[in-house]
Amino acid sequence: MTKVSVLFFGATADEVGDREVDLELPENSRAEDALARIVERFPRLAAHKLLFAVNQEYASGAEIIGDGDELAVFTAVSGG
């Protein structure tokens, strides 16, 4: 198993009720698999347009998640 830290920012932290949780994933999971597991665990996040990063770099979803990696989940923000 791969253990990662998931950080939540802005509205995602409000929905989850926490700023950080640990998540265990099968080895060789992709970032998109991790995000799906997070939304499964916190279904209220499904209502948001989510962006995520792996080790402080925006993720496309195809990245392989390694043990000890850090995932950040946040909502898309538009300005004007």
PDB file of N, CA and C in Angstrom:
ATOM      1  N   MET A   1       0.836  -1.199   0.000  1.00  0.00           N
ATOM      2  CA  MET A   1       0.000   0.000   0.000  1.00  0.00           C
ATOM      3  C   MET A   1       0.871   1.249   0.000  1.00  0.00           C
ATOM      4  N   THR A   2       0.321   2.294  -0.554  1.00  0.00           N
ATOM      5  CA  THR A   2       0.974   3.590  -0.614  1.00  0.00           C
ATOM      6  C   THR A   2       0.216   4.546   0.295  1.00  0.00           C
ATOM      7  N   LYS A   3       0.934   5.217   1.189  1.00  0.00           N
ATOM      8  CA  LYS A   3       0.307   6.172   2.094  1.00  0.00           C
ATOM      9  C   LYS A   3       0.682   7.585   1.677  1.00  0.00           C
ATOM     10  N   VAL A   4      -0.336   8.442   1.510  1.00  0.00           N
ATOM     11  CA  VAL A   4      -0.109   9.824   1.096  1.00  0.00           C
ATOM     12  C   VAL A   4      -0.846  10.772   2.034  1.00  0.00           C
ATOM     13  N   SER A   5      -0.377  12.007   2.068  1.00  0.00           N
ATOM     14  CA  SER A   5      -1.069  13.073   2.794  1.00  0.00           C
ATOM     15  C   SER A   5      -1.898  13.855   1.786  1.00  0.00           C
ATOM     16  N   VAL A   6      -3.129  14.125   2.143  1.00  0.00           N
ATOM     17  CA  VAL A   6      -4.010  14.910   1.281  1.00  0.00           C
ATOM     18  C   VAL A   6      -4.309  16.217   1.999  1.00  0.00           C
ATOM     19  N   LEU A   7      -3.975  17.315   1.339  1.00  0.00           N
ATOM     20  CA  LEU A   7      -4.204  18.651   1.892  1.00  0.00           C
ATOM     21  C   LEU A   7      -5.399  19.282   1.191  1.00  0.00           C
ATOM     22  N   PHE A   8      -6.259  19.939   1.946  1.00  0.00           N
ATOM     23  CA  PHE A   8      -7.437  20.587   1.395  1.00  0.00           C
ATOM     24  C   PHE A   8      -7.333  22.091   1.603  1.00  0.00           C
ATOM     25  N   PHE A   9      -7.743  22.848   0.596  1.00  0.00           N
ATOM     26  CA  PHE A   9      -7.665  24.304   0.647  1.00  0.00           C
ATOM     27  C   PHE A   9      -9.019  24.903   0.287  1.00  0.00           C
ATOM     28  N   GLY A  10      -9.312  26.064   0.864  1.00  0.00           N
ATOM     29  CA  GLY A  10     -10.525  26.800   0.531  1.00  0.00           C
ATOM     30  C   GLY A  10     -11.782  26.014   0.800  1.00  0.00           C
ATOM     31  N   ALA A  11     -12.671  26.009  -0.196  1.00  0.00           N
ATOM     32  CA  ALA A  11     -13.975  25.355  -0.051  1.00  0.00           C
ATOM     33  C   ALA A  11     -13.850  23.861   0.187  1.00  0.00           C
ATOM     34  N   THR A  12     -12.788  23.240  -0.309  1.00  0.00           N
ATOM     35  CA  THR A  12     -12.645  21.801  -0.092  1.00  0.00           C
ATOM     36  C   THR A  12     -12.402  21.503   1.394  1.00  0.00           C
ATOM     37  N   ALA A  13     -11.639  22.346   2.053  1.00  0.00           N
ATOM     38  CA  ALA A  13     -11.409  22.164   3.496  1.00  0.00           C
ATOM     39  C   ALA A  13     -12.718  22.337   4.258  1.00  0.00           C
ATOM     40  N   ASP A  14     -13.546  23.274   3.822  1.00  0.00           N
ATOM     41  CA  ASP A  14     -14.842  23.477   4.470  1.00  0.00           C
ATOM     42  C   ASP A  14     -15.723  22.241   4.305  1.00  0.00           C
ATOM     43  N   GLU A  15     -15.747  21.668   3.120  1.00  0.00           N
ATOM     44  CA  GLU A  15     -16.579  20.484   2.857  1.00  0.00           C
ATOM     45  C   GLU A  15     -16.112  19.265   3.646  1.00  0.00           C
ATOM     46  N   VAL A  16     -14.796  19.105   3.737  1.00  0.00           N
ATOM     47  CA  VAL A  16     -14.224  17.942   4.415  1.00  0.00           C
ATOM     48  C   VAL A  16     -14.235  18.125   5.931  1.00  0.00           C
ATOM     49  N   GLY A  17     -14.124  19.378   6.368  1.00  0.00           N
ATOM     50  CA  GLY A  17     -14.078  19.652   7.796  1.00  0.00           C
ATOM     51  C   GLY A  17     -12.687  19.476   8.379  1.00  0.00           C
ATOM     52  N   ASP A  18     -11.696  19.439   7.501  1.00  0.00           N
ATOM     53  CA  ASP A  18     -10.313  19.265   7.936  1.00  0.00           C
ATOM     54  C   ASP A  18      -9.405  19.807   6.837  1.00  0.00           C
ATOM     55  N   ARG A  19      -8.173  20.106   7.199  1.00  0.00           N
ATOM     56  CA  ARG A  19      -7.214  20.607   6.224  1.00  0.00           C
ATOM     57  C   ARG A  19      -6.274  19.514   5.730  1.00  0.00           C
ATOM     58  N   GLU A  20      -6.213  18.411   6.445  1.00  0.00           N
ATOM     59  CA  GLU A  20      -5.299  17.343   6.039  1.00  0.00           C
ATOM     60  C   GLU A  20      -5.812  15.994   6.521  1.00  0.00           C
ATOM     61  N   VAL A  21      -5.743  14.997   5.641  1.00  0.00           N
ATOM     62  CA  VAL A  21      -6.074  13.622   6.004  1.00  0.00           C
ATOM     63  C   VAL A  21      -5.036  12.700   5.368  1.00  0.00           C
ATOM     64  N   ASP A  22      -4.891  11.527   5.933  1.00  0.00           N
ATOM     65  CA  ASP A  22      -4.034  10.507   5.335  1.00  0.00           C
ATOM     66  C   ASP A  22      -4.899   9.585   4.496  1.00  0.00           C
ATOM     67  N   LEU A  23      -4.311   9.074   3.433  1.00  0.00           N
ATOM     68  CA  LEU A  23      -5.037   8.197   2.517  1.00  0.00           C
ATOM     69  C   LEU A  23      -4.125   7.058   2.117  1.00  0.00           C
ATOM     70  N   GLU A  24      -4.654   5.841   2.148  1.00  0.00           N
ATOM     71  CA  GLU A  24      -3.902   4.687   1.679  1.00  0.00           C
ATOM     72  C   GLU A  24      -4.452   4.266   0.334  1.00  0.00           C
ATOM     73  N   LEU A  25      -3.548   4.002  -0.600  1.00  0.00           N
ATOM     74  CA  LEU A  25      -3.907   3.618  -1.958  1.00  0.00           C
ATOM     75  C   LEU A  25      -3.141   2.364  -2.341  1.00  0.00           C
ATOM     76  N   PRO A  26      -3.672   1.593  -3.273  1.00  0.00           N
ATOM     77  CA  PRO A  26      -2.886   0.474  -3.795  1.00  0.00           C
ATOM     78  C   PRO A  26      -1.626   1.011  -4.489  1.00  0.00           C
ATOM     79  N   GLU A  27      -0.569   0.229  -4.502  1.00  0.00           N
ATOM     80  CA  GLU A  27       0.656   0.648  -5.182  1.00  0.00           C
ATOM     81  C   GLU A  27       0.369   0.920  -6.652  1.00  0.00           C
ATOM     82  N   ASN A  28       1.129   1.846  -7.229  1.00  0.00           N
ATOM     83  CA  ASN A  28       1.018   2.248  -8.628  1.00  0.00           C
ATOM     84  C   ASN A  28      -0.311   2.911  -8.968  1.00  0.00           C
ATOM     85  N   SER A  29      -0.987   3.497  -7.968  1.00  0.00           N
ATOM     86  CA  SER A  29      -2.205   4.258  -8.239  1.00  0.00           C
ATOM     87  C   SER A  29      -1.837   5.544  -8.946  1.00  0.00           C
ATOM     88  N   ARG A  30      -2.730   6.007  -9.764  1.00  0.00           N
ATOM     89  CA  ARG A  30      -2.545   7.283 -10.467  1.00  0.00           C
ATOM     90  C   ARG A  30      -3.230   8.396  -9.663  1.00  0.00           C
ATOM     91  N   ALA A  31      -2.864   9.617  -9.972  1.00  0.00           N
ATOM     92  CA  ALA A  31      -3.452  10.765  -9.282  1.00  0.00           C
ATOM     93  C   ALA A  31      -4.970  10.785  -9.453  1.00  0.00           C
ATOM     94  N   GLU A  32      -5.464  10.422 -10.634  1.00  0.00           N
ATOM     95  CA  GLU A  32      -6.912  10.418 -10.847  1.00  0.00           C
ATOM     96  C   GLU A  32      -7.602   9.363  -9.982  1.00  0.00           C
ATOM     97  N   ASP A  33      -6.915   8.246  -9.717  1.00  0.00           N
ATOM     98  CA  ASP A  33      -7.459   7.224  -8.816  1.00  0.00           C
ATOM     99  C   ASP A  33      -7.561   7.767  -7.394  1.00  0.00           C
ATOM    100  N   ALA A  34      -6.528   8.501  -6.994  1.00  0.00           N
ATOM    101  CA  ALA A  34      -6.519   9.098  -5.653  1.00  0.00           C
ATOM    102  C   ALA A  34      -7.661  10.096  -5.519  1.00  0.00           C
ATOM    103  N   LEU A  35      -7.857  10.921  -6.534  1.00  0.00           N
ATOM    104  CA  LEU A  35      -8.929  11.917  -6.477  1.00  0.00           C
ATOM    105  C   LEU A  35     -10.291  11.228  -6.412  1.00  0.00           C
ATOM    106  N   ALA A  36     -10.460  10.150  -7.160  1.00  0.00           N
ATOM    107  CA  ALA A  36     -11.724   9.406  -7.109  1.00  0.00           C
ATOM    108  C   ALA A  36     -11.950   8.836  -5.711  1.00  0.00           C
ATOM    109  N   ARG A  37     -10.919   8.324  -5.092  1.00  0.00           N
ATOM    110  CA  ARG A  37     -11.027   7.763  -3.734  1.00  0.00           C
ATOM    111  C   ARG A  37     -11.380   8.872  -2.744  1.00  0.00           C
ATOM    112  N   ILE A  38     -10.801  10.060  -2.924  1.00  0.00           N
ATOM    113  CA  ILE A  38     -11.086  11.194  -2.042  1.00  0.00           C
ATOM    114  C   ILE A  38     -12.550  11.612  -2.162  1.00  0.00           C
ATOM    115  N   VAL A  39     -13.052  11.697  -3.397  1.00  0.00           N
ATOM    116  CA  VAL A  39     -14.456  12.086  -3.608  1.00  0.00           C
ATOM    117  C   VAL A  39     -15.393  11.005  -3.067  1.00  0.00           C
ATOM    118  N   GLU A  40     -14.978   9.751  -3.173  1.00  0.00           N
ATOM    119  CA  GLU A  40     -15.773   8.651  -2.605  1.00  0.00           C
ATOM    120  C   GLU A  40     -15.863   8.790  -1.078  1.00  0.00           C
ATOM    121  N   ARG A  41     -14.755   9.164  -0.469  1.00  0.00           N
ATOM    122  CA  ARG A  41     -14.700   9.309   0.986  1.00  0.00           C
ATOM    123  C   ARG A  41     -15.425  10.561   1.459  1.00  0.00           C
ATOM    124  N   PHE A  42     -15.377  11.624   0.639  1.00  0.00           N
ATOM    125  CA  PHE A  42     -16.016  12.899   0.965  1.00  0.00           C
ATOM    126  C   PHE A  42     -16.931  13.303  -0.194  1.00  0.00           C
ATOM    127  N   PRO A  43     -18.110  12.690  -0.308  1.00  0.00           N
ATOM    128  CA  PRO A  43     -18.969  12.869  -1.478  1.00  0.00           C
ATOM    129  C   PRO A  43     -19.412  14.307  -1.749  1.00  0.00           C
ATOM    130  N   ARG A  44     -19.392  15.154  -0.733  1.00  0.00           N
ATOM    131  CA  ARG A  44     -19.800  16.548  -0.967  1.00  0.00           C
ATOM    132  C   ARG A  44     -18.828  17.273  -1.900  1.00  0.00           C
ATOM    133  N   LEU A  45     -17.627  16.740  -2.053  1.00  0.00           N
ATOM    134  CA  LEU A  45     -16.662  17.353  -2.971  1.00  0.00           C
ATOM    135  C   LEU A  45     -17.082  17.208  -4.425  1.00  0.00           C
ATOM    136  N   ALA A  46     -17.942  16.246  -4.719  1.00  0.00           N
ATOM    137  CA  ALA A  46     -18.377  16.010  -6.098  1.00  0.00           C
ATOM    138  C   ALA A  46     -19.104  17.215  -6.685  1.00  0.00           C
ATOM    139  N   ALA A  47     -19.631  18.071  -5.848  1.00  0.00           N
ATOM    140  CA  ALA A  47     -20.354  19.256  -6.313  1.00  0.00           C
ATOM    141  C   ALA A  47     -19.417  20.379  -6.765  1.00  0.00           C
ATOM    142  N   HIS A  48     -18.120  20.194  -6.583  1.00  0.00           N
ATOM    143  CA  HIS A  48     -17.139  21.238  -6.900  1.00  0.00           C
ATOM    144  C   HIS A  48     -16.317  20.885  -8.137  1.00  0.00           C
ATOM    145  N   LYS A  49     -15.863  21.904  -8.822  1.00  0.00           N
ATOM    146  CA  LYS A  49     -14.892  21.739  -9.900  1.00  0.00           C
ATOM    147  C   LYS A  49     -13.528  21.667  -9.224  1.00  0.00           C
ATOM    148  N   LEU A  50     -12.967  20.472  -9.136  1.00  0.00           N
ATOM    149  CA  LEU A  50     -11.750  20.259  -8.360  1.00  0.00           C
ATOM    150  C   LEU A  50     -10.496  20.296  -9.215  1.00  0.00           C
ATOM    151  N   LEU A  51      -9.465  20.855  -8.641  1.00  0.00           N
ATOM    152  CA  LEU A  51      -8.114  20.800  -9.190  1.00  0.00           C
ATOM    153  C   LEU A  51      -7.260  20.107  -8.144  1.00  0.00           C
ATOM    154  N   PHE A  52      -6.158  19.525  -8.585  1.00  0.00           N
ATOM    155  CA  PHE A  52      -5.286  18.887  -7.610  1.00  0.00           C
ATOM    156  C   PHE A  52      -3.849  18.948  -8.065  1.00  0.00           C
ATOM    157  N   ALA A  53      -2.981  18.794  -7.091  1.00  0.00           N
ATOM    158  CA  ALA A  53      -1.545  18.848  -7.329  1.00  0.00           C
ATOM    159  C   ALA A  53      -0.893  17.675  -6.611  1.00  0.00           C
ATOM    160  N   VAL A  54       0.209  17.217  -7.172  1.00  0.00           N
ATOM    161  CA  VAL A  54       1.008  16.169  -6.554  1.00  0.00           C
ATOM    162  C   VAL A  54       2.373  16.773  -6.250  1.00  0.00           C
ATOM    163  N   ASN A  55       2.748  16.775  -4.998  1.00  0.00           N
ATOM    164  CA  ASN A  55       4.028  17.347  -4.574  1.00  0.00           C
ATOM    165  C   ASN A  55       4.222  18.766  -5.102  1.00  0.00           C
ATOM    166  N   GLN A  56       3.177  19.570  -4.952  1.00  0.00           N
ATOM    167  CA  GLN A  56       3.170  20.997  -5.273  1.00  0.00           C
ATOM    168  C   GLN A  56       3.264  21.295  -6.760  1.00  0.00           C
ATOM    169  N   GLU A  57       2.896  20.339  -7.614  1.00  0.00           N
ATOM    170  CA  GLU A  57       2.831  20.575  -9.057  1.00  0.00           C
ATOM    171  C   GLU A  57       1.459  20.151  -9.550  1.00  0.00           C
ATOM    172  N   TYR A  58       0.820  21.036 -10.355  1.00  0.00           N
ATOM    173  CA  TYR A  58      -0.490  20.681 -10.889  1.00  0.00           C
ATOM    174  C   TYR A  58      -0.436  19.306 -11.529  1.00  0.00           C
ATOM    175  N   ALA A  59      -1.491  18.532 -11.328  1.00  0.00           N
ATOM    176  CA  ALA A  59      -1.523  17.159 -11.826  1.00  0.00           C
ATOM    177  C   ALA A  59      -2.582  17.014 -12.913  1.00  0.00           C
ATOM    178  N   SER A  60      -2.263  16.200 -13.914  1.00  0.00           N
ATOM    179  CA  SER A  60      -3.208  15.912 -14.985  1.00  0.00           C
ATOM    180  C   SER A  60      -4.082  14.721 -14.641  1.00  0.00           C
ATOM    181  N   GLY A  61      -3.600  13.879 -13.729  1.00  0.00           N
ATOM    182  CA  GLY A  61      -4.318  12.676 -13.349  1.00  0.00           C
ATOM    183  C   GLY A  61      -3.551  11.419 -13.677  1.00  0.00           C
ATOM    184  N   ALA A  62      -2.624  11.519 -14.614  1.00  0.00           N
ATOM    185  CA  ALA A  62      -1.882  10.338 -15.065  1.00  0.00           C
ATOM    186  C   ALA A  62      -0.672  10.015 -14.186  1.00  0.00           C
ATOM    187  N   GLU A  63      -0.294  10.921 -13.310  1.00  0.00           N
ATOM    188  CA  GLU A  63       0.890  10.741 -12.481  1.00  0.00           C
ATOM    189  C   GLU A  63       0.731   9.550 -11.538  1.00  0.00           C
ATOM    190  N   ILE A  64       1.792   8.766 -11.395  1.00  0.00           N
ATOM    191  CA  ILE A  64       1.806   7.663 -10.438  1.00  0.00           C
ATOM    192  C   ILE A  64       2.096   8.247  -9.055  1.00  0.00           C
ATOM    193  N   ILE A  65       1.304   7.831  -8.078  1.00  0.00           N
ATOM    194  CA  ILE A  65       1.451   8.317  -6.705  1.00  0.00           C
ATOM    195  C   ILE A  65       2.400   7.393  -5.949  1.00  0.00           C
ATOM    196  N   GLY A  66       3.389   7.984  -5.293  1.00  0.00           N
ATOM    197  CA  GLY A  66       4.348   7.206  -4.519  1.00  0.00           C
ATOM    198  C   GLY A  66       4.119   7.356  -3.028  1.00  0.00           C
ATOM    199  N   ASP A  67       4.659   6.412  -2.276  1.00  0.00           N
ATOM    200  CA  ASP A  67       4.543   6.447  -0.832  1.00  0.00           C
ATOM    201  C   ASP A  67       5.143   7.747  -0.300  1.00  0.00           C
ATOM    202  N   GLY A  68       4.403   8.437   0.555  1.00  0.00           N
ATOM    203  CA  GLY A  68       4.878   9.681   1.143  1.00  0.00           C
ATOM    204  C   GLY A  68       4.599  10.923   0.309  1.00  0.00           C
ATOM    205  N   ASP A  69       3.992  10.758  -0.871  1.00  0.00           N
ATOM    206  CA  ASP A  69       3.663  11.920  -1.684  1.00  0.00           C
ATOM    207  C   ASP A  69       2.607  12.776  -0.988  1.00  0.00           C
ATOM    208  N   GLU A  70       2.517  14.011  -1.442  1.00  0.00           N
ATOM    209  CA  GLU A  70       1.553  14.966  -0.914  1.00  0.00           C
ATOM    210  C   GLU A  70       0.599  15.359  -2.032  1.00  0.00           C
ATOM    211  N   LEU A  71      -0.686  15.209  -1.769  1.00  0.00           N
ATOM    212  CA  LEU A  71      -1.708  15.618  -2.726  1.00  0.00           C
ATOM    213  C   LEU A  71      -2.412  16.841  -2.169  1.00  0.00           C
ATOM    214  N   ALA A  72      -2.650  17.803  -3.024  1.00  0.00           N
ATOM    215  CA  ALA A  72      -3.405  18.991  -2.619  1.00  0.00           C
ATOM    216  C   ALA A  72      -4.681  19.053  -3.462  1.00  0.00           C
ATOM    217  N   VAL A  73      -5.806  19.318  -2.819  1.00  0.00           N
ATOM    218  CA  VAL A  73      -7.095  19.386  -3.496  1.00  0.00           C
ATOM    219  C   VAL A  73      -7.666  20.770  -3.230  1.00  0.00           C
ATOM    220  N   PHE A  74      -8.103  21.428  -4.310  1.00  0.00           N
ATOM    221  CA  PHE A  74      -8.663  22.767  -4.175  1.00  0.00           C
ATOM    222  C   PHE A  74      -9.645  23.007  -5.302  1.00  0.00           C
ATOM    223  N   THR A  75     -10.436  24.053  -5.178  1.00  0.00           N
ATOM    224  CA  THR A  75     -11.440  24.365  -6.195  1.00  0.00           C
ATOM    225  C   THR A  75     -10.864  25.365  -7.179  1.00  0.00           C
ATOM    226  N   ALA A  76     -11.401  25.297  -8.391  1.00  0.00           N
ATOM    227  CA  ALA A  76     -11.009  26.259  -9.404  1.00  0.00           C
ATOM    228  C   ALA A  76     -11.527  27.628  -8.979  1.00  0.00           C
ATOM    229  N   VAL A  77     -10.706  28.629  -9.111  1.00  0.00           N
ATOM    230  CA  VAL A  77     -11.070  29.990  -8.722  1.00  0.00           C
ATOM    231  C   VAL A  77     -10.953  30.879  -9.948  1.00  0.00           C
ATOM    232  N   SER A  78     -11.982  31.667 -10.177  1.00  0.00           N
ATOM    233  CA  SER A  78     -11.916  32.599 -11.300  1.00  0.00           C
ATOM    234  C   SER A  78     -11.949  34.013 -10.749  1.00  0.00           C
ATOM    235  N   GLY A  79     -11.268  34.864 -11.420  1.00  0.00           N
ATOM    236  CA  GLY A  79     -11.225  36.258 -10.978  1.00  0.00           C
ATOM    237  C   GLY A  79     -11.746  37.158 -12.069  1.00  0.00           C
ATOM    238  N   GLY A  80     -11.895  38.397 -11.727  1.00  0.00           N
ATOM    239  CA  GLY A  80     -12.431  39.281 -12.757  1.00  0.00           C
ATOM    240  C   GLY A  80     -12.017  40.685 -12.506  1.00  0.00           C
TER     241      GLY A  80
END
